[in-house]
Amino acid sequence: MAREELTRLTGNGNGTCGKDDCPNVYRTASGSIVVQGDLSNAFTAPDGEGLVEIPEETLREAVRALGW
């Protein structure tokens, strides 16, 4: 899936990661959530999964964007 296929819920593109503005939260066409952030090794995720860390404010911004 290409980034262009996702709806960006957070960030304005002016952050420290430039136009990618990480960390960030996206919504897919099917309604699932994709999170971009710093890799975390808090524990070992199962095969095929990964862990990322995002600031609380990024998650709050995504929730506001979704109207939850």
C-alpha atoms as a PDB file:
ATOM      1  CA  MET A   1       0.000   0.000   0.000  1.00  0.00           C
ATOM      2  CA  ALA A   2       1.390   3.406  -0.938  1.00  0.00           C
ATOM      3  CA  ARG A   3       1.306   6.351   1.460  1.00  0.00           C
ATOM      4  CA  GLU A   4      -0.759   8.252  -1.124  1.00  0.00           C
ATOM      5  CA  GLU A   5      -3.572   5.723  -0.602  1.00  0.00           C
ATOM      6  CA  LEU A   6      -3.850   6.642   3.109  1.00  0.00           C
ATOM      7  CA  THR A   7      -5.751   9.493   4.760  1.00  0.00           C
ATOM      8  CA  ARG A   8      -3.401  11.432   7.013  1.00  0.00           C
ATOM      9  CA  LEU A   9      -4.999  12.205  10.377  1.00  0.00           C
ATOM     10  CA  THR A  10      -2.147  14.104  12.038  1.00  0.00           C
ATOM     11  CA  GLY A  11       0.666  16.501  11.265  1.00  0.00           C
ATOM     12  CA  ASN A  12       0.956  19.359   8.836  1.00  0.00           C
ATOM     13  CA  GLY A  13       4.064  18.243   6.965  1.00  0.00           C
ATOM     14  CA  ASN A  14       6.287  20.848   8.609  1.00  0.00           C
ATOM     15  CA  GLY A  15       7.698  18.690  11.412  1.00  0.00           C
ATOM     16  CA  THR A  16      11.257  17.537  12.004  1.00  0.00           C
ATOM     17  CA  CYS A  17      10.880  14.727   9.452  1.00  0.00           C
ATOM     18  CA  GLY A  18      10.085  17.200   6.671  1.00  0.00           C
ATOM     19  CA  LYS A  19       7.158  16.369   4.429  1.00  0.00           C
ATOM     20  CA  ASP A  20       6.811  12.918   6.071  1.00  0.00           C
ATOM     21  CA  ASP A  21       6.229  14.644   9.456  1.00  0.00           C
ATOM     22  CA  CYS A  22       6.715  11.577  11.653  1.00  0.00           C
ATOM     23  CA  PRO A  23       5.316  10.469  14.013  1.00  0.00           C
ATOM     24  CA  ASN A  24       1.964  10.300  12.305  1.00  0.00           C
ATOM     25  CA  VAL A  25      -1.338   8.427  12.184  1.00  0.00           C
ATOM     26  CA  TYR A  26      -3.107   7.420   8.971  1.00  0.00           C
ATOM     27  CA  ARG A  27      -6.424   5.763   8.096  1.00  0.00           C
ATOM     28  CA  THR A  28      -6.746   3.174   5.321  1.00  0.00           C
ATOM     29  CA  ALA A  29      -9.620   2.946   2.841  1.00  0.00           C
ATOM     30  CA  SER A  30     -10.958  -0.008   4.843  1.00  0.00           C
ATOM     31  CA  GLY A  31     -10.943   2.053   8.062  1.00  0.00           C
ATOM     32  CA  SER A  32      -7.945   0.509   9.809  1.00  0.00           C
ATOM     33  CA  ILE A  33      -5.212   2.659  11.369  1.00  0.00           C
ATOM     34  CA  VAL A  34      -1.531   2.854  10.354  1.00  0.00           C
ATOM     35  CA  VAL A  35       0.911   4.438  12.817  1.00  0.00           C
ATOM     36  CA  GLN A  36       4.312   5.910  11.928  1.00  0.00           C
ATOM     37  CA  GLY A  37       6.742   6.494  14.777  1.00  0.00           C
ATOM     38  CA  ASP A  38      10.037   5.592  16.349  1.00  0.00           C
ATOM     39  CA  LEU A  39      10.821   1.895  16.529  1.00  0.00           C
ATOM     40  CA  SER A  40      10.380   0.470  20.010  1.00  0.00           C
ATOM     41  CA  ASN A  41      11.912  -2.621  21.536  1.00  0.00           C
ATOM     42  CA  ALA A  42       9.733  -2.626  24.661  1.00  0.00           C
ATOM     43  CA  PHE A  43       9.117  -6.330  23.988  1.00  0.00           C
ATOM     44  CA  THR A  44       9.498  -8.701  21.054  1.00  0.00           C
ATOM     45  CA  ALA A  45       6.448  -8.559  18.823  1.00  0.00           C
ATOM     46  CA  PRO A  46       5.207 -11.720  17.086  1.00  0.00           C
ATOM     47  CA  ASP A  47       6.457 -12.465  13.567  1.00  0.00           C
ATOM     48  CA  GLY A  48       4.919 -10.089  11.047  1.00  0.00           C
ATOM     49  CA  GLU A  49       4.252  -7.356  13.627  1.00  0.00           C
ATOM     50  CA  GLY A  50       6.243  -4.371  14.826  1.00  0.00           C
ATOM     51  CA  LEU A  51       6.197  -1.858  17.669  1.00  0.00           C
ATOM     52  CA  VAL A  52       6.338   1.921  17.321  1.00  0.00           C
ATOM     53  CA  GLU A  53       6.188   4.736  19.844  1.00  0.00           C
ATOM     54  CA  ILE A  54       4.244   7.932  19.230  1.00  0.00           C
ATOM     55  CA  PRO A  55       3.687  10.905  21.530  1.00  0.00           C
ATOM     56  CA  GLU A  56       0.335  11.043  23.335  1.00  0.00           C
ATOM     57  CA  GLU A  57      -0.488  14.330  21.581  1.00  0.00           C
ATOM     58  CA  THR A  58      -0.208  12.616  18.175  1.00  0.00           C
ATOM     59  CA  LEU A  59      -2.768  10.021  19.225  1.00  0.00           C
ATOM     60  CA  ARG A  60      -5.058  12.735  20.659  1.00  0.00           C
ATOM     61  CA  GLU A  61      -4.824  14.659  17.368  1.00  0.00           C
ATOM     62  CA  ALA A  62      -5.839  11.526  15.432  1.00  0.00           C
ATOM     63  CA  VAL A  63      -8.815  10.918  17.736  1.00  0.00           C
ATOM     64  CA  ARG A  64      -9.970  14.539  17.249  1.00  0.00           C
ATOM     65  CA  ALA A  65      -9.612  14.177  13.455  1.00  0.00           C
ATOM     66  CA  LEU A  66     -11.822  11.080  13.538  1.00  0.00           C
ATOM     67  CA  GLY A  67     -14.393  12.804  15.761  1.00  0.00           C
ATOM     68  CA  TRP A  68     -14.213  10.104  18.436  1.00  0.00           C
END
